[in-house]
Amino acid sequence: MAIVEFTSVEEFCDELRKEKGNIQRRIVRITNLFTPPHLYRNIRHVKVLATFVVGPFTSALVPAEAQIIRLERYCGDVWGIQVQDDPVFERSRKATEQIEAVCKELGLEVRPGVIEEAEA
């Protein structure tokens, strides 16, 4: 399965609008991902991940495969210090709200989690 990746919330939202009639089960999944950097375990990278699946579609001439459309938006690092962490959480919240607003506009259901390609 092909994966189409975005880092821009605006581009991901544009793709949602373009694919609105092709989104499988009309579900968009959104979650926050907290990952440690390689050297410092007390710091966490914060990313908003959003995914949806389009297809599969077939025609008499060209069969097509489903695609995962994925946004991975880096929002910053959290250190456990509120004054530094709050702007990171605010960026995450704004990105999530922007995607949710577009989903609501298009009549799509928002659920937690992330869609990933299954290993064969």
C-alpha atoms as a PDB file:
ATOM      1  CA  MET A   1       0.000   0.000   0.000  1.00  0.00           C
ATOM      2  CA  ALA A   2       1.338   3.409  -0.934  1.00  0.00           C
ATOM      3  CA  ILE A   3       1.722   6.099   1.723  1.00  0.00           C
ATOM      4  CA  VAL A   4       1.387   9.787   0.886  1.00  0.00           C
ATOM      5  CA  GLU A   5       3.026  11.914   3.595  1.00  0.00           C
ATOM      6  CA  PHE A   6       2.513  15.538   4.607  1.00  0.00           C
ATOM      7  CA  THR A   7       4.154  17.759   7.220  1.00  0.00           C
ATOM      8  CA  SER A   8       1.926  20.777   6.557  1.00  0.00           C
ATOM      9  CA  VAL A   9      -1.484  20.810   8.240  1.00  0.00           C
ATOM     10  CA  GLU A  10      -2.836  23.064   5.487  1.00  0.00           C
ATOM     11  CA  GLU A  11      -1.726  20.681   2.714  1.00  0.00           C
ATOM     12  CA  PHE A  12      -3.190  17.701   4.619  1.00  0.00           C
ATOM     13  CA  CYS A  13      -6.498  19.560   5.002  1.00  0.00           C
ATOM     14  CA  ASP A  14      -6.476  20.399   1.269  1.00  0.00           C
ATOM     15  CA  GLU A  15      -5.992  16.687   0.555  1.00  0.00           C
ATOM     16  CA  LEU A  16      -8.913  15.851   2.857  1.00  0.00           C
ATOM     17  CA  ARG A  17     -11.125  18.196   0.843  1.00  0.00           C
ATOM     18  CA  LYS A  18      -9.963  16.770  -2.489  1.00  0.00           C
ATOM     19  CA  GLU A  19     -10.496  13.159  -1.360  1.00  0.00           C
ATOM     20  CA  LYS A  20     -13.666  13.694   0.705  1.00  0.00           C
ATOM     21  CA  GLY A  21     -15.757  11.271  -1.352  1.00  0.00           C
ATOM     22  CA  ASN A  22     -13.054   8.590  -1.471  1.00  0.00           C
ATOM     23  CA  ILE A  23     -12.144   8.252   2.223  1.00  0.00           C
ATOM     24  CA  GLN A  24     -12.687   4.690   3.405  1.00  0.00           C
ATOM     25  CA  ARG A  25     -15.351   4.378   6.095  1.00  0.00           C
ATOM     26  CA  ARG A  26     -15.320   8.225   6.286  1.00  0.00           C
ATOM     27  CA  ILE A  27     -12.900   7.987   9.245  1.00  0.00           C
ATOM     28  CA  VAL A  28      -9.867  10.169   9.953  1.00  0.00           C
ATOM     29  CA  ARG A  29      -7.597   9.131  12.813  1.00  0.00           C
ATOM     30  CA  ILE A  30      -5.684  11.743  14.844  1.00  0.00           C
ATOM     31  CA  THR A  31      -3.285  11.253  17.746  1.00  0.00           C
ATOM     32  CA  ASN A  32      -0.346  12.872  19.496  1.00  0.00           C
ATOM     33  CA  LEU A  33       2.933  10.987  19.331  1.00  0.00           C
ATOM     34  CA  PHE A  34       5.488  11.484  22.113  1.00  0.00           C
ATOM     35  CA  THR A  35       8.921  10.050  21.300  1.00  0.00           C
ATOM     36  CA  PRO A  36      12.254  10.394  23.100  1.00  0.00           C
ATOM     37  CA  PRO A  37      15.217  11.747  21.161  1.00  0.00           C
ATOM     38  CA  HIS A  38      18.245   9.484  20.850  1.00  0.00           C
ATOM     39  CA  LEU A  39      20.367  11.126  23.553  1.00  0.00           C
ATOM     40  CA  TYR A  40      17.997  12.548  26.179  1.00  0.00           C
ATOM     41  CA  ARG A  41      15.350  10.330  27.749  1.00  0.00           C
ATOM     42  CA  ASN A  42      13.657  13.077  29.797  1.00  0.00           C
ATOM     43  CA  ILE A  43      12.773  15.106  26.676  1.00  0.00           C
ATOM     44  CA  ARG A  44       9.898  14.114  24.368  1.00  0.00           C
ATOM     45  CA  HIS A  45       9.352  15.154  20.742  1.00  0.00           C
ATOM     46  CA  VAL A  46       5.674  15.957  20.222  1.00  0.00           C
ATOM     47  CA  LYS A  47       4.041  15.321  16.853  1.00  0.00           C
ATOM     48  CA  VAL A  48       0.469  15.340  15.635  1.00  0.00           C
ATOM     49  CA  LEU A  49      -0.237  12.300  13.479  1.00  0.00           C
ATOM     50  CA  ALA A  50      -3.333  12.152  11.318  1.00  0.00           C
ATOM     51  CA  THR A  51      -4.187   9.419   8.819  1.00  0.00           C
ATOM     52  CA  PHE A  52      -6.937   8.281   6.486  1.00  0.00           C
ATOM     53  CA  VAL A  53      -7.232   5.716   3.716  1.00  0.00           C
ATOM     54  CA  VAL A  54      -8.437   6.321   0.168  1.00  0.00           C
ATOM     55  CA  GLY A  55      -9.334   3.589  -2.340  1.00  0.00           C
ATOM     56  CA  PRO A  56      -8.966   0.900  -3.429  1.00  0.00           C
ATOM     57  CA  PHE A  57     -10.625   1.651  -6.717  1.00  0.00           C
ATOM     58  CA  THR A  58     -10.666  -0.413  -9.843  1.00  0.00           C
ATOM     59  CA  SER A  59     -11.478   0.343 -13.434  1.00  0.00           C
ATOM     60  CA  ALA A  60     -11.592  -1.904 -16.441  1.00  0.00           C
ATOM     61  CA  LEU A  61      -8.220  -0.544 -17.533  1.00  0.00           C
ATOM     62  CA  VAL A  62      -6.174   0.260 -14.437  1.00  0.00           C
ATOM     63  CA  PRO A  63      -6.627  -1.348 -11.033  1.00  0.00           C
ATOM     64  CA  ALA A  64      -5.560   0.965  -8.223  1.00  0.00           C
ATOM     65  CA  GLU A  65      -4.278   0.236  -4.747  1.00  0.00           C
ATOM     66  CA  ALA A  66      -5.455   1.869  -1.550  1.00  0.00           C
ATOM     67  CA  GLN A  67      -3.318   4.701  -0.210  1.00  0.00           C
ATOM     68  CA  ILE A  68      -2.687   5.857   3.328  1.00  0.00           C
ATOM     69  CA  ILE A  69      -2.662   9.632   3.551  1.00  0.00           C
ATOM     70  CA  ARG A  70      -0.557  10.657   6.545  1.00  0.00           C
ATOM     71  CA  LEU A  71       0.290  13.905   8.308  1.00  0.00           C
ATOM     72  CA  GLU A  72       3.217  13.992  10.716  1.00  0.00           C
ATOM     73  CA  ARG A  73       3.434  17.515  12.138  1.00  0.00           C
ATOM     74  CA  TYR A  74       6.282  18.220  14.566  1.00  0.00           C
ATOM     75  CA  CYS A  75       5.123  20.615  17.303  1.00  0.00           C
ATOM     76  CA  GLY A  76       8.227  20.842  19.497  1.00  0.00           C
ATOM     77  CA  ASP A  77       9.875  19.218  22.504  1.00  0.00           C
ATOM     78  CA  VAL A  78       8.520  18.905  26.039  1.00  0.00           C
ATOM     79  CA  TRP A  79      10.898  18.969  28.989  1.00  0.00           C
ATOM     80  CA  GLY A  80       8.515  18.727  31.921  1.00  0.00           C
ATOM     81  CA  ILE A  81       8.796  22.483  32.484  1.00  0.00           C
ATOM     82  CA  GLN A  82       5.363  24.035  32.087  1.00  0.00           C
ATOM     83  CA  VAL A  83       6.486  27.431  30.796  1.00  0.00           C
ATOM     84  CA  GLN A  84       8.433  25.709  27.987  1.00  0.00           C
ATOM     85  CA  ASP A  85       5.947  22.896  27.380  1.00  0.00           C
ATOM     86  CA  ASP A  86       2.755  24.986  27.100  1.00  0.00           C
ATOM     87  CA  PRO A  87       3.584  26.491  23.658  1.00  0.00           C
ATOM     88  CA  VAL A  88       4.286  22.984  22.312  1.00  0.00           C
ATOM     89  CA  PHE A  89       0.937  21.683  23.558  1.00  0.00           C
ATOM     90  CA  GLU A  90      -0.763  24.782  22.149  1.00  0.00           C
ATOM     91  CA  ARG A  91       0.707  24.110  18.673  1.00  0.00           C
ATOM     92  CA  SER A  92      -0.460  20.495  18.936  1.00  0.00           C
ATOM     93  CA  ARG A  93      -3.954  21.572  20.001  1.00  0.00           C
ATOM     94  CA  LYS A  94      -4.233  24.111  17.160  1.00  0.00           C
ATOM     95  CA  ALA A  95      -3.150  21.577  14.532  1.00  0.00           C
ATOM     96  CA  THR A  96      -5.628  19.012  15.852  1.00  0.00           C
ATOM     97  CA  GLU A  97      -8.461  21.537  15.981  1.00  0.00           C
ATOM     98  CA  GLN A  98      -7.743  22.663  12.413  1.00  0.00           C
ATOM     99  CA  ILE A  99      -7.985  19.089  11.122  1.00  0.00           C
ATOM    100  CA  GLU A 100     -11.088  18.367  13.217  1.00  0.00           C
ATOM    101  CA  ALA A 101     -12.807  21.494  11.833  1.00  0.00           C
ATOM    102  CA  VAL A 102     -12.219  20.348   8.256  1.00  0.00           C
ATOM    103  CA  CYS A 103     -13.462  16.852   9.122  1.00  0.00           C
ATOM    104  CA  LYS A 104     -16.624  18.317  10.628  1.00  0.00           C
ATOM    105  CA  GLU A 105     -17.118  20.496   7.536  1.00  0.00           C
ATOM    106  CA  LEU A 106     -16.844  17.378   5.337  1.00  0.00           C
ATOM    107  CA  GLY A 107     -18.966  15.120   7.549  1.00  0.00           C
ATOM    108  CA  LEU A 108     -16.050  12.841   8.460  1.00  0.00           C
ATOM    109  CA  GLU A 109     -15.721  11.006  11.761  1.00  0.00           C
ATOM    110  CA  VAL A 110     -12.599  11.700  13.824  1.00  0.00           C
ATOM    111  CA  ARG A 111     -11.222   8.850  15.926  1.00  0.00           C
ATOM    112  CA  PRO A 112      -8.017   8.413  17.924  1.00  0.00           C
ATOM    113  CA  GLY A 113      -5.128   6.312  16.685  1.00  0.00           C
ATOM    114  CA  VAL A 114      -3.057   6.043  13.546  1.00  0.00           C
ATOM    115  CA  ILE A 115      -3.401   3.885  10.439  1.00  0.00           C
ATOM    116  CA  GLU A 116      -0.259   2.018   9.437  1.00  0.00           C
ATOM    117  CA  GLU A 117       0.504  -0.419   6.697  1.00  0.00           C
ATOM    118  CA  ALA A 118       0.305  -3.999   7.944  1.00  0.00           C
ATOM    119  CA  GLU A 119       3.342  -6.198   7.540  1.00  0.00           C
ATOM    120  CA  ALA A 120       2.857  -9.087   5.162  1.00  0.00           C
END
